[in-house]
Amino acid sequence: MNEQPYSTSTDVVEIDAMGQPCPMPLLMLKRQLKKSTSAQMFCLKSSDPHSEIDVTRYCQIHDLKCTFSKLSEHEFHYLIES
């Protein structure tokens, strides 16, 4: 039996912003949040180190839970719960 990393009651939407300069990662996140009709989780992948400031500040302002992970010098992941 395989264990799922996320709850099956919540969909995880992947947003691939790799190679996109700021502010594109944040704009791509905003687009997906607008499309969302129910509580979802979003995994935003970015290669721009400046995205950390933009995304985390946006999540704070809009009361979204955001978990930041730096995978390498050029890969950053954000798990955002709406």
PDB file of N, CA and C in Angstrom:
ATOM      1  N   MET A   1       0.842  -1.183   0.000  1.00  0.00           N
ATOM      2  CA  MET A   1       0.000   0.000   0.000  1.00  0.00           C
ATOM      3  C   MET A   1       0.886   1.246   0.000  1.00  0.00           C
ATOM      4  N   ASN A   2       0.716   2.109  -0.986  1.00  0.00           N
ATOM      5  CA  ASN A   2       1.508   3.336  -1.101  1.00  0.00           C
ATOM      6  C   ASN A   2       0.873   4.445  -0.302  1.00  0.00           C
ATOM      7  N   GLU A   3       1.700   5.166   0.427  1.00  0.00           N
ATOM      8  CA  GLU A   3       1.212   6.296   1.198  1.00  0.00           C
ATOM      9  C   GLU A   3       1.340   7.561   0.367  1.00  0.00           C
ATOM     10  N   GLN A   4       0.295   8.386   0.337  1.00  0.00           N
ATOM     11  CA  GLN A   4       0.307   9.625  -0.422  1.00  0.00           C
ATOM     12  C   GLN A   4       0.908  10.728   0.452  1.00  0.00           C
ATOM     13  N   PRO A   5       1.764  11.608  -0.124  1.00  0.00           N
ATOM     14  CA  PRO A   5       2.362  12.670   0.668  1.00  0.00           C
ATOM     15  C   PRO A   5       1.355  13.743   1.077  1.00  0.00           C
ATOM     16  N   TYR A   6       0.236  13.847   0.347  1.00  0.00           N
ATOM     17  CA  TYR A   6      -0.770  14.862   0.635  1.00  0.00           C
ATOM     18  C   TYR A   6      -2.106  14.183   0.846  1.00  0.00           C
ATOM     19  N   SER A   7      -2.984  14.861   1.523  1.00  0.00           N
ATOM     20  CA  SER A   7      -4.326  14.359   1.776  1.00  0.00           C
ATOM     21  C   SER A   7      -5.059  14.138   0.456  1.00  0.00           C
ATOM     22  N   THR A   8      -5.770  13.030   0.338  1.00  0.00           N
ATOM     23  CA  THR A   8      -6.505  12.735  -0.892  1.00  0.00           C
ATOM     24  C   THR A   8      -7.734  13.615  -1.033  1.00  0.00           C
ATOM     25  N   SER A   9      -8.173  14.268   0.035  1.00  0.00           N
ATOM     26  CA  SER A   9      -9.339  15.141  -0.047  1.00  0.00           C
ATOM     27  C   SER A   9      -8.969  16.509  -0.632  1.00  0.00           C
ATOM     28  N   THR A  10      -7.699  16.787  -0.757  1.00  0.00           N
ATOM     29  CA  THR A  10      -7.230  18.061  -1.293  1.00  0.00           C
ATOM     30  C   THR A  10      -6.362  17.798  -2.519  1.00  0.00           C
ATOM     31  N   ASP A  11      -6.692  18.452  -3.625  1.00  0.00           N
ATOM     32  CA  ASP A  11      -5.897  18.321  -4.833  1.00  0.00           C
ATOM     33  C   ASP A  11      -4.656  19.197  -4.735  1.00  0.00           C
ATOM     34  N   VAL A  12      -3.548  18.699  -5.281  1.00  0.00           N
ATOM     35  CA  VAL A  12      -2.332  19.506  -5.352  1.00  0.00           C
ATOM     36  C   VAL A  12      -2.151  19.921  -6.805  1.00  0.00           C
ATOM     37  N   VAL A  13      -2.135  21.215  -7.029  1.00  0.00           N
ATOM     38  CA  VAL A  13      -1.973  21.766  -8.366  1.00  0.00           C
ATOM     39  C   VAL A  13      -0.521  22.203  -8.511  1.00  0.00           C
ATOM     40  N   GLU A  14       0.165  21.657  -9.513  1.00  0.00           N
ATOM     41  CA  GLU A  14       1.558  22.033  -9.746  1.00  0.00           C
ATOM     42  C   GLU A  14       1.620  23.230 -10.681  1.00  0.00           C
ATOM     43  N   ILE A  15       2.413  24.222 -10.290  1.00  0.00           N
ATOM     44  CA  ILE A  15       2.628  25.422 -11.098  1.00  0.00           C
ATOM     45  C   ILE A  15       4.118  25.474 -11.407  1.00  0.00           C
ATOM     46  N   ASP A  16       4.463  25.235 -12.660  1.00  0.00           N
ATOM     47  CA  ASP A  16       5.871  25.186 -13.059  1.00  0.00           C
ATOM     48  C   ASP A  16       6.298  26.542 -13.621  1.00  0.00           C
ATOM     49  N   ALA A  17       6.997  27.327 -12.801  1.00  0.00           N
ATOM     50  CA  ALA A  17       7.488  28.635 -13.222  1.00  0.00           C
ATOM     51  C   ALA A  17       9.009  28.617 -13.397  1.00  0.00           C
ATOM     52  N   MET A  18       9.569  27.434 -13.591  1.00  0.00           N
ATOM     53  CA  MET A  18      11.017  27.314 -13.786  1.00  0.00           C
ATOM     54  C   MET A  18      11.423  28.087 -15.041  1.00  0.00           C
ATOM     55  N   GLY A  19      12.482  28.885 -14.917  1.00  0.00           N
ATOM     56  CA  GLY A  19      12.977  29.666 -16.047  1.00  0.00           C
ATOM     57  C   GLY A  19      12.252  30.988 -16.247  1.00  0.00           C
ATOM     58  N   GLN A  20      11.235  31.248 -15.435  1.00  0.00           N
ATOM     59  CA  GLN A  20      10.467  32.490 -15.558  1.00  0.00           C
ATOM     60  C   GLN A  20      10.993  33.519 -14.554  1.00  0.00           C
ATOM     61  N   PRO A  21      11.343  34.720 -15.030  1.00  0.00           N
ATOM     62  CA  PRO A  21      11.810  35.753 -14.093  1.00  0.00           C
ATOM     63  C   PRO A  21      10.631  36.355 -13.319  1.00  0.00           C
ATOM     64  N   CYS A  22      10.941  36.947 -12.159  1.00  0.00           N
ATOM     65  CA  CYS A  22       9.903  37.657 -11.401  1.00  0.00           C
ATOM     66  C   CYS A  22       9.380  38.799 -12.255  1.00  0.00           C
ATOM     67  N   PRO A  23       8.116  39.072 -12.200  1.00  0.00           N
ATOM     68  CA  PRO A  23       7.108  38.584 -11.263  1.00  0.00           C
ATOM     69  C   PRO A  23       6.287  37.398 -11.782  1.00  0.00           C
ATOM     70  N   MET A  24       6.740  36.711 -12.822  1.00  0.00           N
ATOM     71  CA  MET A  24       5.938  35.639 -13.420  1.00  0.00           C
ATOM     72  C   MET A  24       5.539  34.528 -12.442  1.00  0.00           C
ATOM     73  N   PRO A  25       6.430  34.024 -11.571  1.00  0.00           N
ATOM     74  CA  PRO A  25       5.979  32.974 -10.646  1.00  0.00           C
ATOM     75  C   PRO A  25       4.781  33.414  -9.802  1.00  0.00           C
ATOM     76  N   LEU A  26       4.813  34.651  -9.314  1.00  0.00           N
ATOM     77  CA  LEU A  26       3.699  35.156  -8.512  1.00  0.00           C
ATOM     78  C   LEU A  26       2.447  35.319  -9.367  1.00  0.00           C
ATOM     79  N   LEU A  27       2.592  35.813 -10.567  1.00  0.00           N
ATOM     80  CA  LEU A  27       1.431  35.980 -11.454  1.00  0.00           C
ATOM     81  C   LEU A  27       0.814  34.629 -11.809  1.00  0.00           C
ATOM     82  N   MET A  28       1.647  33.618 -12.024  1.00  0.00           N
ATOM     83  CA  MET A  28       1.140  32.276 -12.328  1.00  0.00           C
ATOM     84  C   MET A  28       0.385  31.704 -11.123  1.00  0.00           C
ATOM     85  N   LEU A  29       0.884  31.962  -9.911  1.00  0.00           N
ATOM     86  CA  LEU A  29       0.197  31.527  -8.695  1.00  0.00           C
ATOM     87  C   LEU A  29      -1.157  32.218  -8.580  1.00  0.00           C
ATOM     88  N   LYS A  30      -1.176  33.541  -8.778  1.00  0.00           N
ATOM     89  CA  LYS A  30      -2.428  34.292  -8.681  1.00  0.00           C
ATOM     90  C   LYS A  30      -3.470  33.752  -9.659  1.00  0.00           C
ATOM     91  N   ARG A  31      -3.050  33.432 -10.888  1.00  0.00           N
ATOM     92  CA  ARG A  31      -3.955  32.878 -11.897  1.00  0.00           C
ATOM     93  C   ARG A  31      -4.584  31.575 -11.414  1.00  0.00           C
ATOM     94  N   GLN A  32      -3.752  30.697 -10.853  1.00  0.00           N
ATOM     95  CA  GLN A  32      -4.264  29.409 -10.369  1.00  0.00           C
ATOM     96  C   GLN A  32      -5.189  29.598  -9.170  1.00  0.00           C
ATOM     97  N   LEU A  33      -4.871  30.531  -8.288  1.00  0.00           N
ATOM     98  CA  LEU A  33      -5.732  30.794  -7.141  1.00  0.00           C
ATOM     99  C   LEU A  33      -7.106  31.287  -7.587  1.00  0.00           C
ATOM    100  N   LYS A  34      -7.154  32.117  -8.632  1.00  0.00           N
ATOM    101  CA  LYS A  34      -8.431  32.610  -9.156  1.00  0.00           C
ATOM    102  C   LYS A  34      -9.271  31.470  -9.720  1.00  0.00           C
ATOM    103  N   LYS A  35      -8.624  30.491 -10.353  1.00  0.00           N
ATOM    104  CA  LYS A  35      -9.326  29.348 -10.946  1.00  0.00           C
ATOM    105  C   LYS A  35      -9.883  28.408  -9.877  1.00  0.00           C
ATOM    106  N   SER A  36      -9.297  28.438  -8.703  1.00  0.00           N
ATOM    107  CA  SER A  36      -9.654  27.522  -7.627  1.00  0.00           C
ATOM    108  C   SER A  36     -11.057  27.815  -7.102  1.00  0.00           C
ATOM    109  N   THR A  37     -11.871  26.771  -7.028  1.00  0.00           N
ATOM    110  CA  THR A  37     -13.231  26.929  -6.522  1.00  0.00           C
ATOM    111  C   THR A  37     -13.382  26.376  -5.108  1.00  0.00           C
ATOM    112  N   SER A  38     -12.401  25.599  -4.670  1.00  0.00           N
ATOM    113  CA  SER A  38     -12.452  25.023  -3.323  1.00  0.00           C
ATOM    114  C   SER A  38     -11.053  25.043  -2.727  1.00  0.00           C
ATOM    115  N   ALA A  39     -10.941  24.595  -1.495  1.00  0.00           N
ATOM    116  CA  ALA A  39      -9.631  24.553  -0.833  1.00  0.00           C
ATOM    117  C   ALA A  39      -8.715  23.613  -1.600  1.00  0.00           C
ATOM    118  N   GLN A  40      -7.570  24.099  -1.947  1.00  0.00           N
ATOM    119  CA  GLN A  40      -6.593  23.313  -2.689  1.00  0.00           C
ATOM    120  C   GLN A  40      -5.205  23.600  -2.162  1.00  0.00           C
ATOM    121  N   MET A  41      -4.280  22.749  -2.578  1.00  0.00           N
ATOM    122  CA  MET A  41      -2.868  22.982  -2.313  1.00  0.00           C
ATOM    123  C   MET A  41      -2.193  23.221  -3.661  1.00  0.00           C
ATOM    124  N   PHE A  42      -1.230  24.109  -3.656  1.00  0.00           N
ATOM    125  CA  PHE A  42      -0.500  24.458  -4.868  1.00  0.00           C
ATOM    126  C   PHE A  42       0.984  24.249  -4.615  1.00  0.00           C
ATOM    127  N   CYS A  43       1.655  23.629  -5.565  1.00  0.00           N
ATOM    128  CA  CYS A  43       3.102  23.475  -5.499  1.00  0.00           C
ATOM    129  C   CYS A  43       3.695  24.346  -6.602  1.00  0.00           C
ATOM    130  N   LEU A  44       4.233  25.487  -6.200  1.00  0.00           N
ATOM    131  CA  LEU A  44       4.849  26.421  -7.141  1.00  0.00           C
ATOM    132  C   LEU A  44       6.338  26.129  -7.202  1.00  0.00           C
ATOM    133  N   LYS A  45       6.827  25.876  -8.415  1.00  0.00           N
ATOM    134  CA  LYS A  45       8.256  25.627  -8.624  1.00  0.00           C
ATOM    135  C   LYS A  45       8.838  26.825  -9.359  1.00  0.00           C
ATOM    136  N   SER A  46       9.905  27.391  -8.808  1.00  0.00           N
ATOM    137  CA  SER A  46      10.511  28.583  -9.384  1.00  0.00           C
ATOM    138  C   SER A  46      12.029  28.458  -9.397  1.00  0.00           C
ATOM    139  N   SER A  47      12.650  29.109 -10.372  1.00  0.00           N
ATOM    140  CA  SER A  47      14.114  29.148 -10.437  1.00  0.00           C
ATOM    141  C   SER A  47      14.644  30.541 -10.078  1.00  0.00           C
ATOM    142  N   ASP A  48      13.752  31.489  -9.855  1.00  0.00           N
ATOM    143  CA  ASP A  48      14.149  32.864  -9.545  1.00  0.00           C
ATOM    144  C   ASP A  48      14.265  33.050  -8.032  1.00  0.00           C
ATOM    145  N   PRO A  49      15.469  33.353  -7.527  1.00  0.00           N
ATOM    146  CA  PRO A  49      15.637  33.511  -6.080  1.00  0.00           C
ATOM    147  C   PRO A  49      14.814  34.665  -5.495  1.00  0.00           C
ATOM    148  N   HIS A  50      14.462  35.656  -6.312  1.00  0.00           N
ATOM    149  CA  HIS A  50      13.662  36.786  -5.835  1.00  0.00           C
ATOM    150  C   HIS A  50      12.207  36.404  -5.588  1.00  0.00           C
ATOM    151  N   SER A  51      11.795  35.246  -6.105  1.00  0.00           N
ATOM    152  CA  SER A  51      10.404  34.813  -5.926  1.00  0.00           C
ATOM    153  C   SER A  51      10.082  34.567  -4.456  1.00  0.00           C
ATOM    154  N   GLU A  52      11.080  34.237  -3.652  1.00  0.00           N
ATOM    155  CA  GLU A  52      10.834  33.960  -2.234  1.00  0.00           C
ATOM    156  C   GLU A  52      10.170  35.155  -1.540  1.00  0.00           C
ATOM    157  N   ILE A  53      10.689  36.340  -1.778  1.00  0.00           N
ATOM    158  CA  ILE A  53      10.142  37.545  -1.158  1.00  0.00           C
ATOM    159  C   ILE A  53       8.725  37.795  -1.659  1.00  0.00           C
ATOM    160  N   ASP A  54       8.533  37.754  -2.974  1.00  0.00           N
ATOM    161  CA  ASP A  54       7.223  38.032  -3.575  1.00  0.00           C
ATOM    162  C   ASP A  54       6.158  37.046  -3.108  1.00  0.00           C
ATOM    163  N   VAL A  55       6.468  35.758  -3.204  1.00  0.00           N
ATOM    164  CA  VAL A  55       5.476  34.725  -2.901  1.00  0.00           C
ATOM    165  C   VAL A  55       5.149  34.688  -1.414  1.00  0.00           C
ATOM    166  N   THR A  56       6.166  34.724  -0.564  1.00  0.00           N
ATOM    167  CA  THR A  56       5.891  34.642   0.875  1.00  0.00           C
ATOM    168  C   THR A  56       5.136  35.884   1.365  1.00  0.00           C
ATOM    169  N   ARG A  57       5.470  37.049   0.849  1.00  0.00           N
ATOM    170  CA  ARG A  57       4.758  38.275   1.242  1.00  0.00           C
ATOM    171  C   ARG A  57       3.303  38.219   0.775  1.00  0.00           C
ATOM    172  N   TYR A  58       3.087  37.782  -0.457  1.00  0.00           N
ATOM    173  CA  TYR A  58       1.720  37.658  -0.979  1.00  0.00           C
ATOM    174  C   TYR A  58       0.892  36.706  -0.109  1.00  0.00           C
ATOM    175  N   CYS A  59       1.486  35.583   0.260  1.00  0.00           N
ATOM    176  CA  CYS A  59       0.778  34.599   1.088  1.00  0.00           C
ATOM    177  C   CYS A  59       0.453  35.168   2.467  1.00  0.00           C
ATOM    178  N   GLN A  60       1.372  35.924   3.049  1.00  0.00           N
ATOM    179  CA  GLN A  60       1.114  36.554   4.351  1.00  0.00           C
ATOM    180  C   GLN A  60      -0.060  37.517   4.262  1.00  0.00           C
ATOM    181  N   ILE A  61      -0.058  38.362   3.246  1.00  0.00           N
ATOM    182  CA  ILE A  61      -1.107  39.369   3.075  1.00  0.00           C
ATOM    183  C   ILE A  61      -2.479  38.718   2.894  1.00  0.00           C
ATOM    184  N   HIS A  62      -2.506  37.577   2.190  1.00  0.00           N
ATOM    185  CA  HIS A  62      -3.782  36.918   1.871  1.00  0.00           C
ATOM    186  C   HIS A  62      -4.093  35.720   2.771  1.00  0.00           C
ATOM    187  N   ASP A  63      -3.405  35.631   3.902  1.00  0.00           N
ATOM    188  CA  ASP A  63      -3.634  34.563   4.886  1.00  0.00           C
ATOM    189  C   ASP A  63      -3.595  33.163   4.271  1.00  0.00           C
ATOM    190  N   LEU A  64      -2.598  32.927   3.441  1.00  0.00           N
ATOM    191  CA  LEU A  64      -2.380  31.606   2.852  1.00  0.00           C
ATOM    192  C   LEU A  64      -1.189  30.965   3.563  1.00  0.00           C
ATOM    193  N   LYS A  65      -1.303  29.692   3.855  1.00  0.00           N
ATOM    194  CA  LYS A  65      -0.188  28.979   4.479  1.00  0.00           C
ATOM    195  C   LYS A  65       0.818  28.642   3.382  1.00  0.00           C
ATOM    196  N   CYS A  66       2.077  29.017   3.583  1.00  0.00           N
ATOM    197  CA  CYS A  66       3.113  28.807   2.574  1.00  0.00           C
ATOM    198  C   CYS A  66       4.328  28.155   3.225  1.00  0.00           C
ATOM    199  N   THR A  67       4.762  27.046   2.643  1.00  0.00           N
ATOM    200  CA  THR A  67       5.965  26.365   3.093  1.00  0.00           C
ATOM    201  C   THR A  67       7.001  26.470   1.985  1.00  0.00           C
ATOM    202  N   PHE A  68       8.152  27.037   2.310  1.00  0.00           N
ATOM    203  CA  PHE A  68       9.214  27.284   1.336  1.00  0.00           C
ATOM    204  C   PHE A  68      10.294  26.217   1.465  1.00  0.00           C
ATOM    205  N   SER A  69      10.760  25.712   0.313  1.00  0.00           N
ATOM    206  CA  SER A  69      11.877  24.757   0.284  1.00  0.00           C
ATOM    207  C   SER A  69      12.860  25.171  -0.793  1.00  0.00           C
ATOM    208  N   LYS A  70      14.127  25.244  -0.412  1.00  0.00           N
ATOM    209  CA  LYS A  70      15.186  25.537  -1.389  1.00  0.00           C
ATOM    210  C   LYS A  70      15.846  24.208  -1.729  1.00  0.00           C
ATOM    211  N   LEU A  71      15.617  23.718  -2.957  1.00  0.00           N
ATOM    212  CA  LEU A  71      16.172  22.441  -3.368  1.00  0.00           C
ATOM    213  C   LEU A  71      17.606  22.565  -3.865  1.00  0.00           C
ATOM    214  N   SER A  72      17.917  23.711  -4.488  1.00  0.00           N
ATOM    215  CA  SER A  72      19.275  23.972  -4.972  1.00  0.00           C
ATOM    216  C   SER A  72      19.413  25.479  -5.157  1.00  0.00           C
ATOM    217  N   GLU A  73      20.546  25.912  -5.687  1.00  0.00           N
ATOM    218  CA  GLU A  73      20.774  27.332  -5.939  1.00  0.00           C
ATOM    219  C   GLU A  73      19.743  27.924  -6.893  1.00  0.00           C
ATOM    220  N   HIS A  74      19.184  27.060  -7.758  1.00  0.00           N
ATOM    221  CA  HIS A  74      18.275  27.542  -8.803  1.00  0.00           C
ATOM    222  C   HIS A  74      16.941  26.817  -8.814  1.00  0.00           C
ATOM    223  N   GLU A  75      16.546  26.243  -7.691  1.00  0.00           N
ATOM    224  CA  GLU A  75      15.229  25.596  -7.635  1.00  0.00           C
ATOM    225  C   GLU A  75      14.617  25.795  -6.257  1.00  0.00           C
ATOM    226  N   PHE A  76      13.449  26.445  -6.284  1.00  0.00           N
ATOM    227  CA  PHE A  76      12.723  26.783  -5.070  1.00  0.00           C
ATOM    228  C   PHE A  76      11.299  26.265  -5.201  1.00  0.00           C
ATOM    229  N   HIS A  77      10.799  25.631  -4.160  1.00  0.00           N
ATOM    230  CA  HIS A  77       9.429  25.121  -4.170  1.00  0.00           C
ATOM    231  C   HIS A  77       8.638  25.770  -3.048  1.00  0.00           C
ATOM    232  N   TYR A  78       7.393  26.064  -3.346  1.00  0.00           N
ATOM    233  CA  TYR A  78       6.485  26.649  -2.372  1.00  0.00           C
ATOM    234  C   TYR A  78       5.231  25.777  -2.330  1.00  0.00           C
ATOM    235  N   LEU A  79       4.864  25.308  -1.162  1.00  0.00           N
ATOM    236  CA  LEU A  79       3.627  24.564  -0.980  1.00  0.00           C
ATOM    237  C   LEU A  79       2.652  25.541  -0.338  1.00  0.00           C
ATOM    238  N   ILE A  80       1.602  25.874  -1.085  1.00  0.00           N
ATOM    239  CA  ILE A  80       0.668  26.902  -0.653  1.00  0.00           C
ATOM    240  C   ILE A  80      -0.715  26.264  -0.453  1.00  0.00           C
ATOM    241  N   GLU A  81      -1.312  26.542   0.688  1.00  0.00           N
ATOM    242  CA  GLU A  81      -2.652  26.031   0.990  1.00  0.00           C
ATOM    243  C   GLU A  81      -3.634  27.193   0.966  1.00  0.00           C
ATOM    244  N   SER A  82      -4.699  27.005   0.184  1.00  0.00           N
ATOM    245  CA  SER A  82      -5.716  28.062   0.126  1.00  0.00           C
ATOM    246  C   SER A  82      -6.908  27.714   0.985  1.00  0.00           C
TER     247      SER A  82
END
